[in-house]
N, C-alpha and C. Protein backbone atom coordinates (compact mmCIF):
# COMPACT_ATOMS: atom_id res chain seq x y z
N UNK A 1 -34.82 0.07 9.88
CA UNK A 1 -34.72 1.58 9.80
C UNK A 1 -33.26 1.77 10.01
N UNK A 2 -32.74 1.30 10.95
CA UNK A 2 -31.29 1.51 11.37
C UNK A 2 -30.29 1.23 10.34
N UNK A 3 -30.45 -0.06 9.73
CA UNK A 3 -29.74 -0.53 8.57
C UNK A 3 -29.99 0.33 7.42
N UNK A 4 -31.01 0.86 7.15
CA UNK A 4 -31.14 1.83 6.06
C UNK A 4 -30.47 3.07 6.23
N UNK A 5 -30.46 3.60 7.48
CA UNK A 5 -29.72 4.80 7.92
C UNK A 5 -28.23 4.45 7.82
N UNK A 6 -27.70 3.49 8.20
CA UNK A 6 -26.39 3.10 8.18
C UNK A 6 -25.76 3.00 6.68
N UNK A 7 -26.75 2.34 5.79
CA UNK A 7 -26.34 2.25 4.33
C UNK A 7 -26.25 3.67 3.74
N UNK A 8 -27.25 4.62 4.06
CA UNK A 8 -27.17 5.93 3.73
C UNK A 8 -25.98 6.63 3.80
N UNK A 9 -25.61 6.54 5.29
CA UNK A 9 -24.35 7.24 5.85
C UNK A 9 -23.29 6.65 5.04
N UNK A 10 -23.09 5.39 5.11
CA UNK A 10 -21.86 4.84 4.41
C UNK A 10 -21.82 5.20 3.00
N UNK A 11 -22.87 5.33 2.36
CA UNK A 11 -22.98 5.70 0.90
C UNK A 11 -22.52 7.06 0.66
N UNK A 12 -23.10 7.99 1.37
CA UNK A 12 -22.88 9.41 1.44
C UNK A 12 -21.37 9.78 1.70
N UNK A 13 -20.87 9.05 2.80
CA UNK A 13 -19.50 9.33 3.32
C UNK A 13 -18.58 8.66 2.17
N UNK A 14 -18.97 7.48 1.61
CA UNK A 14 -18.18 7.04 0.57
C UNK A 14 -18.03 7.97 -0.69
N UNK A 15 -19.10 8.59 -1.10
CA UNK A 15 -19.04 9.44 -2.16
C UNK A 15 -18.11 10.70 -1.81
N UNK A 16 -18.31 11.27 -0.57
CA UNK A 16 -17.58 12.30 -0.21
C UNK A 16 -16.04 12.06 -0.11
N UNK A 17 -15.88 10.80 0.47
CA UNK A 17 -14.39 10.50 0.41
C UNK A 17 -13.80 10.29 -0.92
N UNK A 18 -14.52 9.72 -1.82
CA UNK A 18 -14.19 9.52 -3.20
C UNK A 18 -13.89 10.79 -3.91
N UNK A 19 -14.71 11.68 -3.65
CA UNK A 19 -14.47 13.09 -4.25
C UNK A 19 -13.41 13.76 -3.70
N UNK A 20 -12.98 13.55 -2.34
CA UNK A 20 -11.90 14.39 -1.71
C UNK A 20 -10.50 13.69 -2.20
N UNK A 21 -10.57 12.21 -2.24
CA UNK A 21 -9.33 11.56 -2.78
C UNK A 21 -9.04 12.08 -4.19
N UNK A 22 -10.15 12.10 -5.16
CA UNK A 22 -9.97 12.39 -6.59
C UNK A 22 -9.50 13.85 -6.59
N UNK A 23 -9.87 14.71 -5.84
CA UNK A 23 -9.49 16.04 -6.07
C UNK A 23 -8.12 16.45 -5.29
N UNK A 24 -7.92 15.70 -4.31
CA UNK A 24 -6.73 15.94 -3.33
C UNK A 24 -5.75 15.01 -3.32
N UNK A 25 -6.04 13.72 -3.65
CA UNK A 25 -5.15 12.65 -3.24
C UNK A 25 -5.19 12.15 -2.00
N UNK A 26 -4.96 10.84 -1.76
CA UNK A 26 -4.92 10.32 -0.40
C UNK A 26 -4.14 11.22 0.63
N UNK A 27 -2.87 11.50 0.15
CA UNK A 27 -1.93 12.11 1.26
C UNK A 27 -2.42 13.56 1.36
N UNK A 28 -3.08 14.20 0.17
CA UNK A 28 -3.55 15.44 0.27
C UNK A 28 -4.73 15.84 1.29
N UNK A 29 -5.34 14.72 1.66
CA UNK A 29 -6.67 14.78 2.53
C UNK A 29 -5.87 15.29 3.95
N UNK A 30 -4.82 14.57 4.17
CA UNK A 30 -4.08 14.78 5.44
C UNK A 30 -3.32 16.09 5.56
N UNK A 31 -2.52 16.32 4.38
CA UNK A 31 -1.69 17.53 4.50
C UNK A 31 -2.42 18.72 4.61
N UNK A 32 -3.59 18.88 4.04
CA UNK A 32 -4.18 20.01 3.98
C UNK A 32 -4.75 20.40 5.53
N UNK A 33 -4.93 19.15 6.28
CA UNK A 33 -5.40 19.29 7.66
C UNK A 33 -4.24 19.68 8.55
N UNK A 34 -2.95 19.53 8.10
CA UNK A 34 -1.90 19.78 8.98
C UNK A 34 -1.40 21.13 8.73
N UNK A 35 -2.01 22.05 7.94
CA UNK A 35 -1.57 23.45 7.69
C UNK A 35 -1.88 24.57 8.67
N UNK A 36 -2.87 24.20 9.41
CA UNK A 36 -3.07 25.16 10.54
C UNK A 36 -3.66 24.41 11.89
N UNK A 37 -3.79 25.12 12.90
CA UNK A 37 -4.31 24.72 14.09
C UNK A 37 -5.71 24.16 13.94
N UNK A 38 -6.46 24.76 13.28
CA UNK A 38 -8.00 24.41 13.24
C UNK A 38 -8.03 22.90 12.54
N UNK A 39 -7.26 22.79 11.50
CA UNK A 39 -7.20 21.32 10.89
C UNK A 39 -6.68 20.33 11.76
N UNK A 40 -5.38 20.72 12.53
CA UNK A 40 -4.96 19.72 13.39
C UNK A 40 -5.89 19.41 14.56
N UNK A 41 -6.56 20.47 14.90
CA UNK A 41 -7.70 20.19 16.02
C UNK A 41 -8.80 19.18 15.44
N UNK A 42 -9.06 19.27 14.29
CA UNK A 42 -10.05 18.35 13.66
C UNK A 42 -9.55 16.81 13.60
N UNK A 43 -8.29 16.89 12.98
CA UNK A 43 -7.64 15.49 13.27
C UNK A 43 -7.50 14.85 14.50
N UNK A 44 -7.07 15.73 15.46
CA UNK A 44 -7.07 15.25 16.81
C UNK A 44 -8.29 14.72 17.31
N UNK A 45 -9.42 15.43 17.03
CA UNK A 45 -10.69 15.02 17.56
C UNK A 45 -11.20 13.82 16.72
N UNK A 46 -10.91 13.73 15.54
CA UNK A 46 -11.23 12.37 14.91
C UNK A 46 -10.43 11.13 15.36
N UNK A 47 -9.03 11.51 15.74
CA UNK A 47 -8.39 10.30 16.40
C UNK A 47 -9.00 9.93 17.67
N UNK A 48 -9.32 11.00 18.58
CA UNK A 48 -9.95 10.55 19.85
C UNK A 48 -11.18 9.82 19.73
N UNK A 49 -12.07 10.33 18.82
CA UNK A 49 -13.31 9.68 18.48
C UNK A 49 -13.05 8.22 18.04
N UNK A 50 -12.16 7.99 17.03
CA UNK A 50 -11.97 6.69 16.62
C UNK A 50 -11.33 5.67 17.63
N UNK A 51 -10.66 6.25 18.57
CA UNK A 51 -10.13 5.46 19.82
C UNK A 51 -11.14 4.98 20.65
N UNK A 52 -11.99 5.99 20.84
CA UNK A 52 -13.23 5.44 21.68
C UNK A 52 -14.19 4.48 21.02
N UNK A 53 -14.37 4.84 19.84
CA UNK A 53 -15.00 3.83 18.97
C UNK A 53 -14.41 2.35 18.86
N UNK A 54 -13.10 2.42 18.85
CA UNK A 54 -12.39 1.15 18.66
C UNK A 54 -12.45 0.40 20.07
N UNK A 55 -12.52 1.15 21.19
CA UNK A 55 -12.66 0.49 22.41
C UNK A 55 -13.98 -0.16 22.52
N UNK A 56 -14.97 0.61 22.03
CA UNK A 56 -16.38 -0.07 22.15
C UNK A 56 -16.47 -1.18 21.18
N UNK A 57 -15.77 -1.11 19.96
CA UNK A 57 -15.86 -2.27 18.96
C UNK A 57 -15.11 -3.42 19.24
N UNK A 58 -14.03 -3.32 20.04
CA UNK A 58 -13.24 -4.33 20.55
C UNK A 58 -14.21 -5.17 21.53
N UNK A 59 -14.76 -4.32 22.57
CA UNK A 59 -15.59 -5.06 23.63
C UNK A 59 -16.73 -5.75 23.06
N UNK A 60 -17.51 -5.14 22.16
CA UNK A 60 -18.67 -5.52 21.52
C UNK A 60 -18.36 -6.72 20.60
N UNK A 61 -17.41 -6.79 19.80
CA UNK A 61 -16.94 -7.89 18.90
C UNK A 61 -16.69 -9.16 19.86
N UNK A 62 -15.92 -8.89 20.91
CA UNK A 62 -15.70 -10.02 21.99
C UNK A 62 -17.02 -10.57 22.58
N UNK A 63 -17.77 -9.60 22.94
CA UNK A 63 -19.12 -10.03 23.48
C UNK A 63 -20.15 -10.74 22.63
N UNK A 64 -19.87 -10.65 21.34
CA UNK A 64 -20.89 -11.14 20.35
C UNK A 64 -20.02 -12.29 19.64
N UNK A 65 -18.94 -12.76 20.07
CA UNK A 65 -18.12 -13.79 19.62
C UNK A 65 -17.47 -13.51 18.17
N UNK A 66 -17.18 -12.33 17.91
CA UNK A 66 -16.42 -12.04 16.73
C UNK A 66 -15.10 -11.45 16.85
N UNK A 67 -14.24 -11.80 15.87
CA UNK A 67 -12.86 -11.51 16.06
C UNK A 67 -12.61 -9.98 15.87
N UNK A 68 -12.26 -9.02 16.91
CA UNK A 68 -12.02 -7.77 16.77
C UNK A 68 -10.94 -7.18 15.83
N UNK A 69 -9.92 -8.20 15.69
CA UNK A 69 -8.85 -7.71 15.04
C UNK A 69 -8.92 -7.17 13.73
N UNK A 70 -9.64 -7.76 12.73
CA UNK A 70 -9.98 -7.17 11.37
C UNK A 70 -10.60 -6.03 11.40
N UNK A 71 -11.51 -5.79 12.47
CA UNK A 71 -12.31 -4.47 12.31
C UNK A 71 -11.38 -3.27 12.90
N UNK A 72 -10.45 -3.61 13.79
CA UNK A 72 -9.46 -2.67 14.24
C UNK A 72 -8.52 -2.30 13.15
N UNK A 73 -8.03 -3.29 12.37
CA UNK A 73 -7.17 -2.98 11.19
C UNK A 73 -7.83 -2.14 10.13
N UNK A 74 -9.30 -2.50 9.84
CA UNK A 74 -9.88 -1.90 8.81
C UNK A 74 -10.29 -0.49 9.26
N UNK A 75 -10.53 -0.22 10.66
CA UNK A 75 -10.60 1.19 11.22
C UNK A 75 -9.37 1.97 10.95
N UNK A 76 -8.33 1.37 11.32
CA UNK A 76 -7.15 2.07 11.24
C UNK A 76 -6.63 2.50 9.89
N UNK A 77 -7.02 1.58 8.92
CA UNK A 77 -6.62 1.87 7.50
C UNK A 77 -7.67 2.82 6.94
N UNK A 78 -8.93 2.71 7.32
CA UNK A 78 -9.96 3.55 6.56
C UNK A 78 -10.80 4.57 7.48
N UNK A 79 -10.40 4.59 8.64
CA UNK A 79 -11.20 5.58 9.33
C UNK A 79 -12.61 5.06 9.75
N UNK A 80 -13.59 5.94 9.60
CA UNK A 80 -14.95 5.55 9.89
C UNK A 80 -15.51 4.47 9.08
N UNK A 81 -15.14 4.18 7.92
CA UNK A 81 -15.48 3.05 7.18
C UNK A 81 -15.63 1.69 7.97
N UNK A 82 -14.58 1.52 8.83
CA UNK A 82 -14.52 0.23 9.53
C UNK A 82 -15.71 -0.02 10.54
N UNK A 83 -15.95 1.09 11.34
CA UNK A 83 -17.14 0.94 12.40
C UNK A 83 -18.44 0.90 11.68
N UNK A 84 -18.78 1.74 10.52
CA UNK A 84 -19.82 1.64 9.76
C UNK A 84 -20.18 0.25 9.29
N UNK A 85 -19.19 -0.31 8.61
CA UNK A 85 -19.31 -1.76 8.12
C UNK A 85 -19.45 -2.69 9.21
N UNK A 86 -18.68 -2.58 10.32
CA UNK A 86 -18.94 -3.42 11.42
C UNK A 86 -20.41 -3.41 11.87
N UNK A 87 -21.07 -2.17 11.88
CA UNK A 87 -22.40 -2.15 12.47
C UNK A 87 -23.27 -2.60 11.29
N UNK A 88 -23.08 -2.48 10.19
CA UNK A 88 -23.94 -3.13 9.08
C UNK A 88 -23.73 -4.64 9.15
N UNK A 89 -22.75 -5.25 9.54
CA UNK A 89 -22.70 -6.73 9.50
C UNK A 89 -22.93 -7.13 10.98
N UNK A 90 -23.35 -6.52 11.89
CA UNK A 90 -23.62 -6.94 13.17
C UNK A 90 -24.87 -7.45 13.31
N UNK A 91 -25.01 -8.66 13.95
CA UNK A 91 -26.48 -9.34 14.01
C UNK A 91 -27.14 -8.52 15.03
């Protein structure tokens, strides 16, 4: 059940991300958020949340014998896609 939910979330988030990139471009996603304090707050919240997830991911990967570096790089490059894929591939 958890795996199905992760796949659904990853798929829906992927579609939403593809639409956003198609309409606004990769850079446009961020520049739109930097135009006012509300957008900057959302970006700051996302950054804080991803740092917390990365701390958990690093510890979990080490504890389960996985190399955390590729997952950290993937998360830094793609945001929430990294942790979602990590959870899908976790035993």
